[in-house]
Amino acid sequence: MKLYIPVLAGTTREQRKSIYAARLVAEVGNTFEDVETEVIDPKDYYFPGDGNDPEGKDPRYTAVTERAEGFFIVFPEYNHSFPGTLKRMLDSELKNYIHKPVAFGSVSNGQWGGVRGIEALIHPVREMGMVATFTDMQFPKINDLFDDNGTLLNEDYREYIKGAWIELIWMAKTLKYGRENLESKFHSQP
C-alpha cells in the first residue's frame, strides 16, 4: 500500500512563487512507487477563527490529516518566520499529526532559501506532535529557479528534492509501524 504524504503549500498570497516549489516537490514525490502525494493548497480550504476548536476546522483538511502518513510543508519565509496562513491551517488539527513525520521546503527571494523560516516552524510542529526530518529543502532566489510559468530552470533541484523525500519516506514507514504496533498514551495497539 502506498504512503499518502501530502505537500502542504504554505501561503495564499496572490503573487506567491512558493507554489511552484510545492508543485515540484509533489511531482518528485510521485516518482516514488511507494508514495502518493498531492499539493494541499490553503486557497482551497476554509479555516475560520483560531485554534483547534470544532468550528475552526475544514472537514476536507481533517480528512487529509487523518489519512496522511507524513507531511512535506513548502512555504515562503516571511520576516524570518512562516506565513500566518500556514500556522492557521496547521493549528486547525492536532491529534492527526501525532507521531507523523514532516519535511520542510522553504522558499525565499534571497540567498538563504528560507532557513530562518524552517527554524521558526520547528517549534510549533514539534508541539503539535510531529517529528521533523533533518533533510530540509531550500529554494533560494526563487525568481531564478522558476520562470513566470512555473517551469523549473535548474534540473539539479529534482535530485536535491529526492534526498528530502528519501528521509521523509523512511521516517513515515518507521513511525507508521510505531503507531500501529507500539502502545503509547496517544495510540493504542491494534
C-alpha atoms as a PDB file:
ATOM      1  CA  MET A   1       0.000   0.000   0.000  1.00  0.00           C
ATOM      2  CA  LYS A   2       1.274   3.462  -0.869  1.00  0.00           C
ATOM      3  CA  LEU A   3       2.073   6.038   1.780  1.00  0.00           C
ATOM      4  CA  TYR A   4      -0.098   9.126   1.454  1.00  0.00           C
ATOM      5  CA  ILE A   5       2.169  12.106   2.150  1.00  0.00           C
ATOM      6  CA  PRO A   6       0.602  15.403   1.064  1.00  0.00           C
ATOM      7  CA  VAL A   7       2.606  18.505   0.226  1.00  0.00           C
ATOM      8  CA  LEU A   8       1.187  21.419   2.199  1.00  0.00           C
ATOM      9  CA  ALA A   9       1.530  24.769   0.427  1.00  0.00           C
ATOM     10  CA  GLY A  10       2.154  27.465   2.997  1.00  0.00           C
ATOM     11  CA  THR A  11       0.550  30.660   1.746  1.00  0.00           C
ATOM     12  CA  THR A  12      -2.444  32.088  -0.064  1.00  0.00           C
ATOM     13  CA  ARG A  13      -0.570  35.181  -1.229  1.00  0.00           C
ATOM     14  CA  GLU A  14      -1.580  36.112  -4.772  1.00  0.00           C
ATOM     15  CA  GLN A  15       1.951  36.647  -6.103  1.00  0.00           C
ATOM     16  CA  ARG A  16       3.360  33.519  -4.421  1.00  0.00           C
ATOM     17  CA  LYS A  17       6.204  31.739  -6.184  1.00  0.00           C
ATOM     18  CA  SER A  18       6.383  29.091  -3.483  1.00  0.00           C
ATOM     19  CA  ILE A  19       3.503  27.249  -5.165  1.00  0.00           C
ATOM     20  CA  TYR A  20       5.914  26.385  -7.998  1.00  0.00           C
ATOM     21  CA  ALA A  21       8.241  24.763  -5.476  1.00  0.00           C
ATOM     22  CA  ALA A  22       5.327  22.915  -3.819  1.00  0.00           C
ATOM     23  CA  ARG A  23       4.177  21.528  -7.173  1.00  0.00           C
ATOM     24  CA  LEU A  24       7.723  20.407  -7.987  1.00  0.00           C
ATOM     25  CA  VAL A  25       8.074  18.689  -4.593  1.00  0.00           C
ATOM     26  CA  ALA A  26       4.811  16.806  -5.250  1.00  0.00           C
ATOM     27  CA  GLU A  27       5.907  15.914  -8.779  1.00  0.00           C
ATOM     28  CA  VAL A  28       9.153  14.427  -7.448  1.00  0.00           C
ATOM     29  CA  GLY A  29       7.283  12.675  -4.623  1.00  0.00           C
ATOM     30  CA  ASN A  30       5.047  10.935  -7.131  1.00  0.00           C
ATOM     31  CA  THR A  31       8.123   9.374  -8.791  1.00  0.00           C
ATOM     32  CA  PHE A  32       8.496   7.088  -5.751  1.00  0.00           C
ATOM     33  CA  GLU A  33       6.447   3.944  -6.264  1.00  0.00           C
ATOM     34  CA  ASP A  34       5.521   3.703  -2.580  1.00  0.00           C
ATOM     35  CA  VAL A  35       4.240   7.300  -2.311  1.00  0.00           C
ATOM     36  CA  GLU A  36       1.008   9.027  -3.219  1.00  0.00           C
ATOM     37  CA  THR A  37       1.042  12.778  -2.877  1.00  0.00           C
ATOM     38  CA  GLU A  38      -0.750  15.926  -3.922  1.00  0.00           C
ATOM     39  CA  VAL A  39      -0.478  19.634  -3.207  1.00  0.00           C
ATOM     40  CA  ILE A  40      -2.826  20.812  -0.494  1.00  0.00           C
ATOM     41  CA  ASP A  41      -3.377  24.477  -1.301  1.00  0.00           C
ATOM     42  CA  PRO A  42      -4.793  26.562   1.571  1.00  0.00           C
ATOM     43  CA  LYS A  43      -6.663  28.616  -1.043  1.00  0.00           C
ATOM     44  CA  ASP A  44      -8.950  25.595  -1.445  1.00  0.00           C
ATOM     45  CA  TYR A  45      -9.858  25.370   2.254  1.00  0.00           C
ATOM     46  CA  TYR A  46     -11.632  27.498   4.823  1.00  0.00           C
ATOM     47  CA  PHE A  47     -10.323  27.900   8.376  1.00  0.00           C
ATOM     48  CA  PRO A  48     -12.483  30.331  10.360  1.00  0.00           C
ATOM     49  CA  GLY A  49     -11.438  31.596  13.758  1.00  0.00           C
ATOM     50  CA  ASP A  50      -8.363  30.399  15.575  1.00  0.00           C
ATOM     51  CA  GLY A  51      -7.068  27.235  17.136  1.00  0.00           C
ATOM     52  CA  ASN A  52      -8.264  23.667  17.183  1.00  0.00           C
ATOM     53  CA  ASP A  53     -11.924  24.273  18.013  1.00  0.00           C
ATOM     54  CA  PRO A  54     -14.511  22.271  16.059  1.00  0.00           C
ATOM     55  CA  GLU A  55     -15.877  25.386  14.341  1.00  0.00           C
ATOM     56  CA  GLY A  56     -12.354  26.255  13.096  1.00  0.00           C
ATOM     57  CA  LYS A  57     -11.869  23.060  11.101  1.00  0.00           C
ATOM     58  CA  ASP A  58     -12.399  22.345   7.440  1.00  0.00           C
ATOM     59  CA  PRO A  59     -13.624  18.715   7.274  1.00  0.00           C
ATOM     60  CA  ARG A  60     -11.790  18.214   3.985  1.00  0.00           C
ATOM     61  CA  TYR A  61      -8.473  19.146   5.622  1.00  0.00           C
ATOM     62  CA  THR A  62      -9.311  16.947   8.619  1.00  0.00           C
ATOM     63  CA  ALA A  63      -9.700  14.034   6.183  1.00  0.00           C
ATOM     64  CA  VAL A  64      -6.299  14.831   4.631  1.00  0.00           C
ATOM     65  CA  THR A  65      -4.573  14.833   8.028  1.00  0.00           C
ATOM     66  CA  GLU A  66      -6.305  11.642   9.164  1.00  0.00           C
ATOM     67  CA  ARG A  67      -5.189   9.790   6.037  1.00  0.00           C
ATOM     68  CA  ALA A  68      -1.662  11.213   5.876  1.00  0.00           C
ATOM     69  CA  GLU A  69       1.349   9.175   6.992  1.00  0.00           C
ATOM     70  CA  GLY A  70       3.505  12.306   6.959  1.00  0.00           C
ATOM     71  CA  PHE A  71       3.708  15.806   5.506  1.00  0.00           C
ATOM     72  CA  PHE A  72       6.029  17.836   3.308  1.00  0.00           C
ATOM     73  CA  ILE A  73       5.469  21.530   4.026  1.00  0.00           C
ATOM     74  CA  VAL A  74       6.629  24.033   1.381  1.00  0.00           C
ATOM     75  CA  PHE A  75       6.365  27.672   2.351  1.00  0.00           C
ATOM     76  CA  PRO A  76       7.956  31.094   1.867  1.00  0.00           C
ATOM     77  CA  GLU A  77       9.939  32.746   4.601  1.00  0.00           C
ATOM     78  CA  TYR A  78       8.212  35.913   5.800  1.00  0.00           C
ATOM     79  CA  ASN A  79      10.239  38.174   8.115  1.00  0.00           C
ATOM     80  CA  HIS A  80      12.424  35.330   9.463  1.00  0.00           C
ATOM     81  CA  SER A  81       9.342  33.180  10.056  1.00  0.00           C
ATOM     82  CA  PHE A  82       6.488  31.454   8.243  1.00  0.00           C
ATOM     83  CA  PRO A  83       3.117  32.711   6.948  1.00  0.00           C
ATOM     84  CA  GLY A  84       0.144  33.077   9.260  1.00  0.00           C
ATOM     85  CA  THR A  85      -1.914  31.143   6.714  1.00  0.00           C
ATOM     86  CA  LEU A  86       0.237  28.086   7.322  1.00  0.00           C
ATOM     87  CA  LYS A  87       0.009  28.447  11.098  1.00  0.00           C
ATOM     88  CA  ARG A  88      -3.772  28.757  10.925  1.00  0.00           C
ATOM     89  CA  MET A  89      -4.060  25.674   8.716  1.00  0.00           C
ATOM     90  CA  LEU A  90      -1.771  23.610  10.947  1.00  0.00           C
ATOM     91  CA  ASP A  91      -3.491  24.778  14.146  1.00  0.00           C
ATOM     92  CA  SER A  92      -6.857  23.514  12.928  1.00  0.00           C
ATOM     93  CA  GLU A  93      -5.779  19.919  13.599  1.00  0.00           C
ATOM     94  CA  LEU A  94      -3.703  18.418  16.362  1.00  0.00           C
ATOM     95  CA  LYS A  95      -4.455  14.768  17.106  1.00  0.00           C
ATOM     96  CA  ASN A  96      -3.987  13.800  13.458  1.00  0.00           C
ATOM     97  CA  TYR A  97      -0.346  14.962  13.495  1.00  0.00           C
ATOM     98  CA  ILE A  98       0.897  12.950  16.460  1.00  0.00           C
ATOM     99  CA  HIS A  99       3.859  10.707  15.654  1.00  0.00           C
ATOM    100  CA  LYS A 100       3.879  11.645  11.971  1.00  0.00           C
ATOM    101  CA  PRO A 101       6.979  12.988  10.208  1.00  0.00           C
ATOM    102  CA  VAL A 102       7.273  16.323   8.492  1.00  0.00           C
ATOM    103  CA  ALA A 103       9.841  17.580   5.970  1.00  0.00           C
ATOM    104  CA  PHE A 104      10.326  21.232   5.111  1.00  0.00           C
ATOM    105  CA  GLY A 105      10.863  23.073   1.870  1.00  0.00           C
ATOM    106  CA  SER A 106      11.427  26.783   2.343  1.00  0.00           C
ATOM    107  CA  VAL A 107      11.414  29.494  -0.292  1.00  0.00           C
ATOM    108  CA  SER A 108      12.882  32.973  -0.418  1.00  0.00           C
ATOM    109  CA  ASN A 109      13.966  35.681  -2.818  1.00  0.00           C
ATOM    110  CA  GLY A 110      17.324  35.837  -1.033  1.00  0.00           C
ATOM    111  CA  GLN A 111      20.316  33.552  -0.960  1.00  0.00           C
ATOM    112  CA  TRP A 112      19.474  31.752   2.292  1.00  0.00           C
ATOM    113  CA  GLY A 113      16.437  29.948   0.913  1.00  0.00           C
ATOM    114  CA  GLY A 114      14.186  30.470   3.902  1.00  0.00           C
ATOM    115  CA  VAL A 115      16.283  28.640   6.503  1.00  0.00           C
ATOM    116  CA  ARG A 116      15.113  31.009   9.247  1.00  0.00           C
ATOM    117  CA  GLY A 117      11.524  30.146   8.385  1.00  0.00           C
ATOM    118  CA  ILE A 118      12.308  26.474   8.947  1.00  0.00           C
ATOM    119  CA  GLU A 119      13.969  27.295  12.257  1.00  0.00           C
ATOM    120  CA  ALA A 120      10.818  29.149  13.319  1.00  0.00           C
ATOM    121  CA  LEU A 121       8.484  26.338  12.221  1.00  0.00           C
ATOM    122  CA  ILE A 122      10.334  23.534  14.015  1.00  0.00           C
ATOM    123  CA  HIS A 123       8.959  24.521  17.431  1.00  0.00           C
ATOM    124  CA  PRO A 124       5.247  24.671  16.505  1.00  0.00           C
ATOM    125  CA  VAL A 125       5.265  21.367  14.596  1.00  0.00           C
ATOM    126  CA  ARG A 126       7.091  19.667  17.444  1.00  0.00           C
ATOM    127  CA  GLU A 127       4.474  20.943  19.861  1.00  0.00           C
ATOM    128  CA  MET A 128       1.795  19.544  17.529  1.00  0.00           C
ATOM    129  CA  GLY A 129       3.347  16.084  17.873  1.00  0.00           C
ATOM    130  CA  MET A 130       5.072  15.860  14.513  1.00  0.00           C
ATOM    131  CA  VAL A 131       8.629  14.630  14.068  1.00  0.00           C
ATOM    132  CA  ALA A 132      10.837  16.833  11.888  1.00  0.00           C
ATOM    133  CA  THR A 133      13.225  15.211   9.445  1.00  0.00           C
ATOM    134  CA  PHE A 134      16.749  16.582   9.201  1.00  0.00           C
ATOM    135  CA  THR A 135      16.962  16.806   5.407  1.00  0.00           C
ATOM    136  CA  ASP A 136      15.445  20.192   4.642  1.00  0.00           C
ATOM    137  CA  MET A 137      14.968  21.577   1.152  1.00  0.00           C
ATOM    138  CA  GLN A 138      15.687  25.212   0.391  1.00  0.00           C
ATOM    139  CA  PHE A 139      14.698  27.166  -2.697  1.00  0.00           C
ATOM    140  CA  PRO A 140      16.868  30.326  -2.605  1.00  0.00           C
ATOM    141  CA  LYS A 141      16.499  33.095  -5.179  1.00  0.00           C
ATOM    142  CA  ILE A 142      13.169  31.646  -6.256  1.00  0.00           C
ATOM    143  CA  ASN A 143      12.878  34.047  -9.191  1.00  0.00           C
ATOM    144  CA  ASP A 144      15.988  32.428 -10.690  1.00  0.00           C
ATOM    145  CA  LEU A 145      14.758  28.859 -10.148  1.00  0.00           C
ATOM    146  CA  PHE A 146      11.425  29.070 -11.989  1.00  0.00           C
ATOM    147  CA  ASP A 147      10.229  31.126 -14.920  1.00  0.00           C
ATOM    148  CA  ASP A 148       6.972  33.098 -14.826  1.00  0.00           C
ATOM    149  CA  ASN A 149       5.017  29.985 -15.851  1.00  0.00           C
ATOM    150  CA  GLY A 150       6.442  27.856 -13.045  1.00  0.00           C
ATOM    151  CA  THR A 151       8.896  25.918 -15.221  1.00  0.00           C
ATOM    152  CA  LEU A 152      11.985  24.742 -13.323  1.00  0.00           C
ATOM    153  CA  LEU A 153      15.174  26.340 -14.656  1.00  0.00           C
ATOM    154  CA  ASN A 154      17.696  24.212 -12.746  1.00  0.00           C
ATOM    155  CA  GLU A 155      17.109  20.461 -13.099  1.00  0.00           C
ATOM    156  CA  ASP A 156      19.560  19.707 -10.261  1.00  0.00           C
ATOM    157  CA  TYR A 157      16.746  20.561  -7.855  1.00  0.00           C
ATOM    158  CA  ARG A 158      14.904  17.358  -8.717  1.00  0.00           C
ATOM    159  CA  GLU A 159      17.803  15.371  -7.239  1.00  0.00           C
ATOM    160  CA  TYR A 160      18.014  17.616  -4.188  1.00  0.00           C
ATOM    161  CA  ILE A 161      14.308  17.094  -3.540  1.00  0.00           C
ATOM    162  CA  LYS A 162      14.687  13.310  -3.865  1.00  0.00           C
ATOM    163  CA  GLY A 163      17.063  13.341  -0.894  1.00  0.00           C
ATOM    164  CA  ALA A 164      14.465  15.043   1.283  1.00  0.00           C
ATOM    165  CA  TRP A 165      11.798  12.573   0.142  1.00  0.00           C
ATOM    166  CA  ILE A 166      14.005   9.550   0.880  1.00  0.00           C
ATOM    167  CA  GLU A 167      14.408  10.623   4.511  1.00  0.00           C
ATOM    168  CA  LEU A 168      10.711  11.509   4.832  1.00  0.00           C
ATOM    169  CA  ILE A 169       9.626   8.136   3.412  1.00  0.00           C
ATOM    170  CA  TRP A 170      11.902   6.286   5.848  1.00  0.00           C
ATOM    171  CA  MET A 171      10.501   8.272   8.754  1.00  0.00           C
ATOM    172  CA  ALA A 172       6.931   7.738   7.551  1.00  0.00           C
ATOM    173  CA  LYS A 173       7.399   3.966   7.387  1.00  0.00           C
ATOM    174  CA  THR A 174       9.111   3.832  10.772  1.00  0.00           C
ATOM    175  CA  LEU A 175       6.565   5.995  12.574  1.00  0.00           C
ATOM    176  CA  LYS A 176       3.651   4.210  10.894  1.00  0.00           C
ATOM    177  CA  TYR A 177       4.996   0.943  12.275  1.00  0.00           C
ATOM    178  CA  GLY A 178       5.246   2.523  15.702  1.00  0.00           C
ATOM    179  CA  ARG A 179       1.725   3.952  15.616  1.00  0.00           C
ATOM    180  CA  GLU A 180       0.304   0.601  14.514  1.00  0.00           C
ATOM    181  CA  ASN A 181       2.341  -1.733  16.708  1.00  0.00           C
ATOM    182  CA  LEU A 182       3.607   0.061  19.786  1.00  0.00           C
ATOM    183  CA  GLU A 183       1.426   1.299  22.581  1.00  0.00           C
ATOM    184  CA  SER A 184       1.669   4.913  23.664  1.00  0.00           C
ATOM    185  CA  LYS A 185      -0.556   7.262  25.576  1.00  0.00           C
ATOM    186  CA  PHE A 186      -1.617   8.710  22.191  1.00  0.00           C
ATOM    187  CA  HIS A 187      -2.158   5.435  20.306  1.00  0.00           C
ATOM    188  CA  SER A 188      -3.357   2.050  21.466  1.00  0.00           C
ATOM    189  CA  GLN A 189      -2.220  -1.208  19.933  1.00  0.00           C
ATOM    190  CA  PRO A 190      -4.486  -2.684  17.259  1.00  0.00           C
END
